[in-house]
PDB file of N, CA and C in Angstrom:
ATOM      1  N   UNK A   1      22.024 140.817  44.071  1.00  0.00           N
ATOM      2  CA  UNK A   1      21.122 140.357  43.049  1.00  0.00           C
ATOM      3  C   UNK A   1      21.569 140.882  41.651  1.00  0.00           C
ATOM      4  N   UNK A   2      22.022 142.155  41.544  1.00  0.00           N
ATOM      5  CA  UNK A   2      22.500 142.584  40.206  1.00  0.00           C
ATOM      6  C   UNK A   2      23.649 141.760  39.675  1.00  0.00           C
ATOM      7  N   UNK A   3      24.515 141.251  40.605  1.00  0.00           N
ATOM      8  CA  UNK A   3      25.628 140.419  40.138  1.00  0.00           C
ATOM      9  C   UNK A   3      25.080 139.177  39.448  1.00  0.00           C
ATOM     10  N   UNK A   4      23.988 138.580  39.958  1.00  0.00           N
ATOM     11  CA  UNK A   4      23.399 137.423  39.304  1.00  0.00           C
ATOM     12  C   UNK A   4      22.909 137.762  37.919  1.00  0.00           C
ATOM     13  N   UNK A   5      22.308 138.922  37.774  1.00  0.00           N
ATOM     14  CA  UNK A   5      21.799 139.373  36.509  1.00  0.00           C
ATOM     15  C   UNK A   5      22.944 139.539  35.510  1.00  0.00           C
ATOM     16  N   UNK A   6      24.041 140.110  35.980  1.00  0.00           N
ATOM     17  CA  UNK A   6      25.202 140.292  35.089  1.00  0.00           C
ATOM     18  C   UNK A   6      25.778 138.959  34.661  1.00  0.00           C
ATOM     19  N   UNK A   7      25.813 138.029  35.567  1.00  0.00           N
ATOM     20  CA  UNK A   7      26.318 136.685  35.217  1.00  0.00           C
ATOM     21  C   UNK A   7      25.417 135.999  34.196  1.00  0.00           C
ATOM     22  N   UNK A   8      24.120 136.136  34.362  1.00  0.00           N
ATOM     23  CA  UNK A   8      23.167 135.551  33.421  1.00  0.00           C
ATOM     24  C   UNK A   8      23.325 136.207  32.069  1.00  0.00           C
ATOM     25  N   UNK A   9      23.472 137.531  32.041  1.00  0.00           N
ATOM     26  CA  UNK A   9      23.640 138.214  30.748  1.00  0.00           C
ATOM     27  C   UNK A   9      24.953 137.842  30.090  1.00  0.00           C
ATOM     28  N   UNK A  10      26.011 137.643  30.870  1.00  0.00           N
ATOM     29  CA  UNK A  10      27.238 137.164  30.290  1.00  0.00           C
ATOM     30  C   UNK A  10      27.125 135.795  29.693  1.00  0.00           C
ATOM     31  N   UNK A  11      26.484 134.876  30.426  1.00  0.00           N
ATOM     32  CA  UNK A  11      26.230 133.518  29.858  1.00  0.00           C
ATOM     33  C   UNK A  11      25.390 133.581  28.594  1.00  0.00           C
ATOM     34  N   UNK A  12      24.388 134.467  28.598  1.00  0.00           N
ATOM     35  CA  UNK A  12      23.544 134.632  27.421  1.00  0.00           C
ATOM     36  C   UNK A  12      24.317 135.107  26.234  1.00  0.00           C
ATOM     37  N   UNK A  13      25.161 136.152  26.448  1.00  0.00           N
ATOM     38  CA  UNK A  13      25.928 136.666  25.357  1.00  0.00           C
ATOM     39  C   UNK A  13      26.903 135.678  24.809  1.00  0.00           C
ATOM     40  N   UNK A  14      27.477 134.858  25.702  1.00  0.00           N
ATOM     41  CA  UNK A  14      28.388 133.779  25.253  1.00  0.00           C
ATOM     42  C   UNK A  14      27.637 132.734  24.414  1.00  0.00           C
ATOM     43  N   UNK A  15      26.433 132.437  24.829  1.00  0.00           N
ATOM     44  CA  UNK A  15      25.646 131.433  24.067  1.00  0.00           C
ATOM     45  C   UNK A  15      25.277 131.982  22.682  1.00  0.00           C
ATOM     46  N   UNK A  16      25.010 133.263  22.622  1.00  0.00           N
ATOM     47  CA  UNK A  16      24.655 133.850  21.292  1.00  0.00           C
ATOM     48  C   UNK A  16      25.887 133.938  20.397  1.00  0.00           C
ATOM     49  N   UNK A  17      27.048 134.318  20.954  1.00  0.00           N
ATOM     50  CA  UNK A  17      28.245 134.397  20.130  1.00  0.00           C
ATOM     51  C   UNK A  17      28.660 132.982  19.672  1.00  0.00           C
ATOM     52  N   UNK A  18      28.557 132.023  20.569  1.00  0.00           N
ATOM     53  CA  UNK A  18      28.943 130.669  20.255  1.00  0.00           C
ATOM     54  C   UNK A  18      28.025 130.064  19.187  1.00  0.00           C
ATOM     55  N   UNK A  19      26.769 130.457  19.160  1.00  0.00           N
ATOM     56  CA  UNK A  19      25.823 129.912  18.180  1.00  0.00           C
ATOM     57  C   UNK A  19      25.772 130.762  16.922  1.00  0.00           C
ATOM     58  N   UNK A  20      26.910 131.249  16.460  1.00  0.00           N
ATOM     59  CA  UNK A  20      26.883 132.051  15.238  1.00  0.00           C
ATOM     60  C   UNK A  20      26.565 131.198  14.030  1.00  0.00           C
ATOM     61  N   UNK A  21      26.009 131.851  13.006  1.00  0.00           N
ATOM     62  CA  UNK A  21      25.584 131.173  11.830  1.00  0.00           C
ATOM     63  C   UNK A  21      24.072 131.236  11.675  1.00  0.00           C
ATOM     64  N   UNK A  22      23.568 130.415  10.818  1.00  0.00           N
ATOM     65  CA  UNK A  22      22.133 130.437  10.549  1.00  0.00           C
ATOM     66  C   UNK A  22      21.471 129.263  11.147  1.00  0.00           C
ATOM     67  N   UNK A  23      20.233 129.439  11.646  1.00  0.00           N
ATOM     68  CA  UNK A  23      19.498 128.368  12.244  1.00  0.00           C
ATOM     69  C   UNK A  23      19.035 127.374  11.203  1.00  0.00           C
ATOM     70  N   UNK A  24      19.869 126.434  10.888  1.00  0.00           N
ATOM     71  CA  UNK A  24      19.514 125.504   9.821  1.00  0.00           C
ATOM     72  C   UNK A  24      19.206 124.113  10.420  1.00  0.00           C
ATOM     73  N   UNK A  25      19.895 123.800  11.515  1.00  0.00           N
ATOM     74  CA  UNK A  25      19.702 122.455  12.064  1.00  0.00           C
ATOM     75  C   UNK A  25      18.678 122.472  13.195  1.00  0.00           C
ATOM     76  N   UNK A  26      18.143 121.290  13.452  1.00  0.00           N
ATOM     77  CA  UNK A  26      17.257 121.186  14.535  1.00  0.00           C
ATOM     78  C   UNK A  26      17.921 121.435  15.879  1.00  0.00           C
ATOM     79  N   UNK A  27      19.197 121.030  15.976  1.00  0.00           N
ATOM     80  CA  UNK A  27      19.949 121.249  17.202  1.00  0.00           C
ATOM     81  C   UNK A  27      20.088 122.761  17.502  1.00  0.00           C
ATOM     82  N   UNK A  28      20.341 123.530  16.484  1.00  0.00           N
ATOM     83  CA  UNK A  28      20.470 124.979  16.681  1.00  0.00           C
ATOM     84  C   UNK A  28      19.133 125.550  17.068  1.00  0.00           C
ATOM     85  N   UNK A  29      18.058 125.118  16.489  1.00  0.00           N
ATOM     86  CA  UNK A  29      16.744 125.605  16.846  1.00  0.00           C
ATOM     87  C   UNK A  29      16.451 125.318  18.320  1.00  0.00           C
ATOM     88  N   UNK A  30      16.824 124.102  18.758  1.00  0.00           N
ATOM     89  CA  UNK A  30      16.652 123.751  20.177  1.00  0.00           C
ATOM     90  C   UNK A  30      17.476 124.670  21.072  1.00  0.00           C
ATOM     91  N   UNK A  31      18.709 124.928  20.688  1.00  0.00           N
ATOM     92  CA  UNK A  31      19.587 125.794  21.489  1.00  0.00           C
ATOM     93  C   UNK A  31      19.035 127.229  21.553  1.00  0.00           C
ATOM     94  N   UNK A  32      18.507 127.712  20.461  1.00  0.00           N
ATOM     95  CA  UNK A  32      17.958 129.065  20.468  1.00  0.00           C
ATOM     96  C   UNK A  32      16.700 129.177  21.262  1.00  0.00           C
ATOM     97  N   UNK A  33      15.917 128.048  21.271  1.00  0.00           N
ATOM     98  CA  UNK A  33      14.730 127.996  22.155  1.00  0.00           C
ATOM     99  C   UNK A  33      15.148 128.076  23.613  1.00  0.00           C
ATOM    100  N   UNK A  34      16.231 127.412  23.949  1.00  0.00           N
ATOM    101  CA  UNK A  34      16.742 127.471  25.299  1.00  0.00           C
ATOM    102  C   UNK A  34      17.171 128.898  25.660  1.00  0.00           C
ATOM    103  N   UNK A  35      17.782 129.591  24.676  1.00  0.00           N
ATOM    104  CA  UNK A  35      18.193 130.981  24.907  1.00  0.00           C
ATOM    105  C   UNK A  35      16.927 131.830  25.224  1.00  0.00           C
ATOM    106  N   UNK A  36      15.870 131.590  24.488  1.00  0.00           N
ATOM    107  CA  UNK A  36      14.619 132.332  24.755  1.00  0.00           C
ATOM    108  C   UNK A  36      14.091 132.040  26.172  1.00  0.00           C
ATOM    109  N   UNK A  37      14.193 130.793  26.568  1.00  0.00           N
ATOM    110  CA  UNK A  37      13.783 130.447  27.954  1.00  0.00           C
ATOM    111  C   UNK A  37      14.622 131.137  28.997  1.00  0.00           C
ATOM    112  N   UNK A  38      15.946 131.222  28.683  1.00  0.00           N
ATOM    113  CA  UNK A  38      16.823 131.879  29.596  1.00  0.00           C
ATOM    114  C   UNK A  38      16.560 133.383  29.645  1.00  0.00           C
ATOM    115  N   UNK A  39      16.137 133.978  28.534  1.00  0.00           N
ATOM    116  CA  UNK A  39      15.724 135.382  28.546  1.00  0.00           C
ATOM    117  C   UNK A  39      14.526 135.578  29.496  1.00  0.00           C
ATOM    118  N   UNK A  40      13.582 134.672  29.469  1.00  0.00           N
ATOM    119  CA  UNK A  40      12.444 134.737  30.384  1.00  0.00           C
ATOM    120  C   UNK A  40      12.901 134.738  31.799  1.00  0.00           C
ATOM    121  N   UNK A  41      13.840 133.828  32.137  1.00  0.00           N
ATOM    122  CA  UNK A  41      14.375 133.729  33.470  1.00  0.00           C
ATOM    123  C   UNK A  41      15.102 135.006  33.869  1.00  0.00           C
ATOM    124  N   UNK A  42      15.918 135.503  32.970  1.00  0.00           N
ATOM    125  CA  UNK A  42      16.644 136.762  33.303  1.00  0.00           C
ATOM    126  C   UNK A  42      15.659 137.893  33.514  1.00  0.00           C
ATOM    127  N   UNK A  43      14.638 137.981  32.719  1.00  0.00           N
ATOM    128  CA  UNK A  43      13.654 139.045  32.885  1.00  0.00           C
ATOM    129  C   UNK A  43      12.914 138.933  34.248  1.00  0.00           C
ATOM    130  N   UNK A  44      12.623 137.709  34.611  1.00  0.00           N
ATOM    131  CA  UNK A  44      11.952 137.472  35.867  1.00  0.00           C
ATOM    132  C   UNK A  44      12.888 137.849  37.055  1.00  0.00           C
ATOM    133  N   UNK A  45      14.161 137.473  36.911  1.00  0.00           N
ATOM    134  CA  UNK A  45      15.149 137.841  37.986  1.00  0.00           C
ATOM    135  C   UNK A  45      15.322 139.328  38.078  1.00  0.00           C
ATOM    136  N   UNK A  46      15.301 140.031  36.950  1.00  0.00           N
ATOM    137  CA  UNK A  46      15.480 141.474  36.957  1.00  0.00           C
ATOM    138  C   UNK A  46      14.302 142.120  37.635  1.00  0.00           C
ATOM    139  N   UNK A  47      13.093 141.614  37.380  1.00  0.00           N
ATOM    140  CA  UNK A  47      11.874 142.112  37.988  1.00  0.00           C
ATOM    141  C   UNK A  47      11.935 141.958  39.522  1.00  0.00           C
ATOM    142  N   UNK A  48      12.398 140.798  39.942  1.00  0.00           N
ATOM    143  CA  UNK A  48      12.558 140.561  41.389  1.00  0.00           C
ATOM    144  C   UNK A  48      13.625 141.447  41.961  1.00  0.00           C
ATOM    145  N   UNK A  49      14.721 141.648  41.276  1.00  0.00           N
ATOM    146  CA  UNK A  49      15.809 142.502  41.764  1.00  0.00           C
ATOM    147  C   UNK A  49      15.282 143.971  41.892  1.00  0.00           C
ATOM    148  N   UNK A  50      14.512 144.369  40.894  1.00  0.00           N
ATOM    149  CA  UNK A  50      14.018 145.747  40.957  1.00  0.00           C
ATOM    150  C   UNK A  50      13.077 145.940  42.107  1.00  0.00           C
ATOM    151  N   UNK A  51      12.209 144.934  42.376  1.00  0.00           N
ATOM    152  CA  UNK A  51      11.316 145.021  43.495  1.00  0.00           C
ATOM    153  C   UNK A  51      12.042 145.066  44.833  1.00  0.00           C
ATOM    154  N   UNK A  52      13.162 144.298  44.909  1.00  0.00           N
ATOM    155  CA  UNK A  52      13.912 144.243  46.148  1.00  0.00           C
ATOM    156  C   UNK A  52      14.931 145.351  46.299  1.00  0.00           C
ATOM    157  N   UNK A  53      15.080 146.180  45.261  1.00  0.00           N
ATOM    158  CA  UNK A  53      16.127 147.204  45.276  1.00  0.00           C
ATOM    159  C   UNK A  53      15.834 148.216  46.369  1.00  0.00           C
ATOM    160  N   UNK A  54      16.921 148.577  47.047  1.00  0.00           N
ATOM    161  CA  UNK A  54      16.873 149.606  48.112  1.00  0.00           C
ATOM    162  C   UNK A  54      17.467 150.910  47.664  1.00  0.00           C
ATOM    163  N   UNK A  55      17.782 151.018  46.373  1.00  0.00           N
ATOM    164  CA  UNK A  55      18.343 152.254  45.857  1.00  0.00           C
ATOM    165  C   UNK A  55      17.330 153.383  45.920  1.00  0.00           C
ATOM    166  N   UNK A  56      17.784 154.510  46.363  1.00  0.00           N
ATOM    167  CA  UNK A  56      16.928 155.643  46.447  1.00  0.00           C
ATOM    168  C   UNK A  56      17.149 156.558  45.228  1.00  0.00           C
ATOM    169  N   UNK A  57      16.090 157.254  44.785  1.00  0.00           N
ATOM    170  CA  UNK A  57      16.225 158.078  43.582  1.00  0.00           C
ATOM    171  C   UNK A  57      17.361 159.143  43.650  1.00  0.00           C
ATOM    172  N   UNK A  58      17.821 159.456  44.832  1.00  0.00           N
ATOM    173  CA  UNK A  58      18.879 160.490  44.941  1.00  0.00           C
ATOM    174  C   UNK A  58      20.298 159.932  44.912  1.00  0.00           C
ATOM    175  N   UNK A  59      20.403 158.606  44.875  1.00  0.00           N
ATOM    176  CA  UNK A  59      21.716 157.949  44.799  1.00  0.00           C
ATOM    177  C   UNK A  59      22.356 158.266  43.454  1.00  0.00           C
ATOM    178  N   UNK A  60      23.699 158.342  43.459  1.00  0.00           N
ATOM    179  CA  UNK A  60      24.406 158.709  42.257  1.00  0.00           C
ATOM    180  C   UNK A  60      24.290 157.623  41.153  1.00  0.00           C
ATOM    181  N   UNK A  61      24.394 156.378  41.547  1.00  0.00           N
ATOM    182  CA  UNK A  61      24.339 155.276  40.581  1.00  0.00           C
ATOM    183  C   UNK A  61      23.220 154.332  40.946  1.00  0.00           C
ATOM    184  N   UNK A  62      22.441 153.986  39.986  1.00  0.00           N
ATOM    185  CA  UNK A  62      21.377 153.011  40.115  1.00  0.00           C
ATOM    186  C   UNK A  62      21.369 152.128  38.878  1.00  0.00           C
ATOM    187  N   UNK A  63      20.853 150.947  39.084  1.00  0.00           N
ATOM    188  CA  UNK A  63      20.780 150.018  37.911  1.00  0.00           C
ATOM    189  C   UNK A  63      19.543 150.425  37.048  1.00  0.00           C
ATOM    190  N   UNK A  64      19.734 150.464  35.750  1.00  0.00           N
ATOM    191  CA  UNK A  64      18.658 150.858  34.857  1.00  0.00           C
ATOM    192  C   UNK A  64      17.881 149.632  34.377  1.00  0.00           C
ATOM    193  N   UNK A  65      16.882 149.305  35.172  1.00  0.00           N
ATOM    194  CA  UNK A  65      16.070 148.098  34.894  1.00  0.00           C
ATOM    195  C   UNK A  65      15.260 148.278  33.631  1.00  0.00           C
ATOM    196  N   UNK A  66      14.831 149.456  33.335  1.00  0.00           N
ATOM    197  CA  UNK A  66      14.043 149.717  32.157  1.00  0.00           C
ATOM    198  C   UNK A  66      14.863 149.478  30.900  1.00  0.00           C
ATOM    199  N   UNK A  67      16.108 149.925  30.877  1.00  0.00           N
ATOM    200  CA  UNK A  67      16.991 149.684  29.727  1.00  0.00           C
ATOM    201  C   UNK A  67      17.265 148.188  29.593  1.00  0.00           C
ATOM    202  N   UNK A  68      17.479 147.507  30.690  1.00  0.00           N
ATOM    203  CA  UNK A  68      17.675 146.039  30.624  1.00  0.00           C
ATOM    204  C   UNK A  68      16.494 145.317  30.007  1.00  0.00           C
ATOM    205  N   UNK A  69      15.289 145.739  30.444  1.00  0.00           N
ATOM    206  CA  UNK A  69      14.063 145.144  29.884  1.00  0.00           C
ATOM    207  C   UNK A  69      13.952 145.381  28.389  1.00  0.00           C
ATOM    208  N   UNK A  70      14.248 146.585  27.997  1.00  0.00           N
ATOM    209  CA  UNK A  70      14.171 146.913  26.541  1.00  0.00           C
ATOM    210  C   UNK A  70      15.236 146.085  25.725  1.00  0.00           C
ATOM    211  N   UNK A  71      16.413 145.933  26.307  1.00  0.00           N
ATOM    212  CA  UNK A  71      17.463 145.141  25.630  1.00  0.00           C
ATOM    213  C   UNK A  71      17.056 143.677  25.513  1.00  0.00           C
ATOM    214  N   UNK A  72      16.463 143.157  26.587  1.00  0.00           N
ATOM    215  CA  UNK A  72      15.964 141.771  26.537  1.00  0.00           C
ATOM    216  C   UNK A  72      14.901 141.609  25.463  1.00  0.00           C
ATOM    217  N   UNK A  73      14.000 142.579  25.370  1.00  0.00           N
ATOM    218  CA  UNK A  73      12.939 142.525  24.356  1.00  0.00           C
ATOM    219  C   UNK A  73      13.561 142.563  22.986  1.00  0.00           C
ATOM    220  N   UNK A  74      14.559 143.375  22.785  1.00  0.00           N
ATOM    221  CA  UNK A  74      15.213 143.487  21.484  1.00  0.00           C
ATOM    222  C   UNK A  74      15.909 142.165  21.093  1.00  0.00           C
ATOM    223  N   UNK A  75      16.601 141.531  22.033  1.00  0.00           N
ATOM    224  CA  UNK A  75      17.212 140.245  21.777  1.00  0.00           C
ATOM    225  C   UNK A  75      16.177 139.203  21.466  1.00  0.00           C
ATOM    226  N   UNK A  76      15.075 139.230  22.232  1.00  0.00           N
ATOM    227  CA  UNK A  76      13.989 138.290  21.985  1.00  0.00           C
ATOM    228  C   UNK A  76      13.392 138.444  20.589  1.00  0.00           C
ATOM    229  N   UNK A  77      13.169 139.689  20.183  1.00  0.00           N
ATOM    230  CA  UNK A  77      12.633 139.915  18.821  1.00  0.00           C
ATOM    231  C   UNK A  77      13.583 139.449  17.747  1.00  0.00           C
ATOM    232  N   UNK A  78      14.884 139.680  17.981  1.00  0.00           N
ATOM    233  CA  UNK A  78      15.878 139.246  17.026  1.00  0.00           C
ATOM    234  C   UNK A  78      15.928 137.697  16.874  1.00  0.00           C
ATOM    235  N   UNK A  79      15.832 137.031  18.014  1.00  0.00           N
ATOM    236  CA  UNK A  79      15.800 135.577  17.989  1.00  0.00           C
ATOM    237  C   UNK A  79      14.528 135.071  17.267  1.00  0.00           C
ATOM    238  N   UNK A  80      13.422 135.667  17.618  1.00  0.00           N
ATOM    239  CA  UNK A  80      12.145 135.239  17.010  1.00  0.00           C
ATOM    240  C   UNK A  80      12.136 135.506  15.505  1.00  0.00           C
ATOM    241  N   UNK A  81      12.657 136.659  15.105  1.00  0.00           N
ATOM    242  CA  UNK A  81      12.740 136.943  13.687  1.00  0.00           C
ATOM    243  C   UNK A  81      13.635 136.015  12.918  1.00  0.00           C
ATOM    244  N   UNK A  82      14.685 135.513  13.598  1.00  0.00           N
ATOM    245  CA  UNK A  82      15.611 134.597  12.959  1.00  0.00           C
ATOM    246  C   UNK A  82      15.050 133.181  12.914  1.00  0.00           C
ATOM    247  N   UNK A  83      14.380 132.758  14.001  1.00  0.00           N
ATOM    248  CA  UNK A  83      13.872 131.420  14.039  1.00  0.00           C
ATOM    249  C   UNK A  83      12.602 131.249  13.171  1.00  0.00           C
ATOM    250  N   UNK A  84      11.837 132.273  13.004  1.00  0.00           N
ATOM    251  CA  UNK A  84      10.634 132.142  12.145  1.00  0.00           C
ATOM    252  C   UNK A  84      10.519 133.436  11.352  1.00  0.00           C
ATOM    253  N   UNK A  85      11.313 133.540  10.271  1.00  0.00           N
ATOM    254  CA  UNK A  85      11.258 134.785   9.475  1.00  0.00           C
ATOM    255  C   UNK A  85       9.935 134.954   8.776  1.00  0.00           C
ATOM    256  N   UNK A  86       9.541 136.180   8.553  1.00  0.00           N
ATOM    257  CA  UNK A  86       8.271 136.418   7.892  1.00  0.00           C
ATOM    258  C   UNK A  86       8.441 136.120   6.405  1.00  0.00           C
ATOM    259  N   UNK A  87       7.489 135.501   5.821  1.00  0.00           N
ATOM    260  CA  UNK A  87       7.524 135.129   4.425  1.00  0.00           C
ATOM    261  C   UNK A  87       6.278 135.635   3.779  1.00  0.00           C
ATOM    262  N   UNK A  88       6.359 135.784   2.500  1.00  0.00           N
ATOM    263  CA  UNK A  88       5.130 136.201   1.763  1.00  0.00           C
ATOM    264  C   UNK A  88       4.148 135.022   1.821  1.00  0.00           C
ATOM    265  N   UNK A  89       2.932 135.298   2.182  1.00  0.00           N
ATOM    266  CA  UNK A  89       1.906 134.300   2.250  1.00  0.00           C
ATOM    267  C   UNK A  89       1.205 134.133   0.893  1.00  0.00           C
ATOM    268  N   UNK A  90       0.680 132.989   0.621  1.00  0.00           N
ATOM    269  CA  UNK A  90      -0.008 132.818  -0.612  1.00  0.00           C
ATOM    270  C   UNK A  90      -1.208 133.746  -0.698  1.00  0.00           C
ATOM    271  N   UNK A  91      -1.525 134.252  -1.891  1.00  0.00           N
ATOM    272  CA  UNK A  91      -2.625 135.184  -2.013  1.00  0.00           C
ATOM    273  C   UNK A  91      -3.959 134.510  -1.981  1.00  0.00           C
ATOM    274  N   UNK A  92      -4.069 133.334  -2.514  1.00  0.00           N
ATOM    275  CA  UNK A  92      -5.347 132.616  -2.522  1.00  0.00           C
ATOM    276  C   UNK A  92      -5.275 131.521  -1.462  1.00  0.00           C
ATOM    277  N   UNK A  93      -6.027 131.712  -0.401  1.00  0.00           N
ATOM    278  CA  UNK A  93      -5.875 130.765   0.709  1.00  0.00           C
ATOM    279  C   UNK A  93      -7.083 129.799   0.707  1.00  0.00           C
ATOM    280  N   UNK A  94      -7.774 129.640  -0.387  1.00  0.00           N
ATOM    281  CA  UNK A  94      -8.868 128.679  -0.463  1.00  0.00           C
ATOM    282  C   UNK A  94      -8.351 127.250  -0.503  1.00  0.00           C
ATOM    283  N   UNK A  95      -9.113 126.373   0.088  1.00  0.00           N
ATOM    284  CA  UNK A  95      -8.697 124.953   0.125  1.00  0.00           C
ATOM    285  C   UNK A  95      -8.962 124.294  -1.220  1.00  0.00           C
ATOM    286  N   UNK A  96      -8.195 123.273  -1.465  1.00  0.00           N
ATOM    287  CA  UNK A  96      -8.397 122.438  -2.676  1.00  0.00           C
ATOM    288  C   UNK A  96      -9.545 121.512  -2.443  1.00  0.00           C
ATOM    289  N   UNK A  97     -10.359 121.301  -3.428  1.00  0.00           N
ATOM    290  CA  UNK A  97     -11.517 120.404  -3.306  1.00  0.00           C
ATOM    291  C   UNK A  97     -11.057 118.973  -3.405  1.00  0.00           C
ATOM    292  N   UNK A  98     -10.204 118.635  -4.374  1.00  0.00           N
ATOM    293  CA  UNK A  98      -9.691 117.313  -4.543  1.00  0.00           C
ATOM    294  C   UNK A  98     -10.609 116.380  -5.341  1.00  0.00           C
ATOM    295  N   UNK A  99     -11.782 116.778  -5.720  1.00  0.00           N
ATOM    296  CA  UNK A  99     -12.655 115.953  -6.540  1.00  0.00           C
ATOM    297  C   UNK A  99     -12.705 116.558  -7.935  1.00  0.00           C
ATOM    298  N   UNK A 100     -12.075 115.853  -8.884  1.00  0.00           N
ATOM    299  CA  UNK A 100     -11.929 116.398 -10.209  1.00  0.00           C
ATOM    300  C   UNK A 100     -12.787 115.587 -11.240  1.00  0.00           C
ATOM    301  N   UNK A 101     -13.652 114.746 -10.790  1.00  0.00           N
ATOM    302  CA  UNK A 101     -14.458 113.921 -11.674  1.00  0.00           C
ATOM    303  C   UNK A 101     -15.688 114.696 -12.118  1.00  0.00           C
ATOM    304  N   UNK A 102     -15.918 114.758 -13.416  1.00  0.00           N
ATOM    305  CA  UNK A 102     -17.112 115.361 -13.920  1.00  0.00           C
ATOM    306  C   UNK A 102     -18.058 114.225 -14.347  1.00  0.00           C
ATOM    307  N   UNK A 103     -19.234 114.304 -13.801  1.00  0.00           N
ATOM    308  CA  UNK A 103     -20.279 113.308 -14.172  1.00  0.00           C
ATOM    309  C   UNK A 103     -20.931 113.801 -15.438  1.00  0.00           C
ATOM    310  N   UNK A 104     -21.107 112.859 -16.350  1.00  0.00           N
ATOM    311  CA  UNK A 104     -21.767 113.195 -17.635  1.00  0.00           C
ATOM    312  C   UNK A 104     -23.211 113.467 -17.341  1.00  0.00           C
ATOM    313  N   UNK A 105     -23.776 114.360 -18.134  1.00  0.00           N
ATOM    314  CA  UNK A 105     -25.200 114.657 -17.983  1.00  0.00           C
ATOM    315  C   UNK A 105     -26.017 113.445 -18.398  1.00  0.00           C
ATOM    316  N   UNK A 106     -27.070 113.157 -17.739  1.00  0.00           N
ATOM    317  CA  UNK A 106     -27.855 112.013 -18.147  1.00  0.00           C
ATOM    318  C   UNK A 106     -28.387 112.166 -19.583  1.00  0.00           C
ATOM    319  N   UNK A 107     -28.321 111.114 -20.318  1.00  0.00           N
ATOM    320  CA  UNK A 107     -28.802 111.123 -21.695  1.00  0.00           C
ATOM    321  C   UNK A 107     -30.302 111.332 -21.698  1.00  0.00           C
ATOM    322  N   UNK A 108     -30.741 112.101 -22.628  1.00  0.00           N
ATOM    323  CA  UNK A 108     -32.198 112.325 -22.774  1.00  0.00           C
ATOM    324  C   UNK A 108     -32.849 111.063 -23.246  1.00  0.00           C
ATOM    325  N   UNK A 109     -33.938 110.676 -22.660  1.00  0.00           N
ATOM    326  CA  UNK A 109     -34.625 109.481 -23.128  1.00  0.00           C
ATOM    327  C   UNK A 109     -35.173 109.703 -24.560  1.00  0.00           C
ATOM    328  N   UNK A 110     -35.050 108.686 -25.324  1.00  0.00           N
ATOM    329  CA  UNK A 110     -35.585 108.818 -26.692  1.00  0.00           C
ATOM    330  C   UNK A 110     -37.044 108.539 -26.693  1.00  0.00           C
ATOM    331  N   UNK A 111     -37.766 109.302 -27.498  1.00  0.00           N
ATOM    332  CA  UNK A 111     -39.276 109.148 -27.484  1.00  0.00           C
ATOM    333  C   UNK A 111     -39.752 107.922 -28.166  1.00  0.00           C
TER     334      UNK A 111
END
């Protein structure tokens, strides 16, 4: 199972390297959305692999699932920050009324 995870990570890294540049086109946005979906799949596979792991705490080498999870989160945050960067929001968020007509005051009746 860890071999599958490594293959998925390799494919993910190739997709990120191949998609260098800025997310300007709709096609690139679509591709980066697919990368995010693949991150979800990799994370799910890693969780399954960790649950099925037969490694004992005394073994010399074990797979560090926690580090993998943190790396996936970091990649996910980087993608999200790139795809929807934070911008300064307008200070006045009130809606426009759209009615700019002033009605004249009724004329006073003459005596």
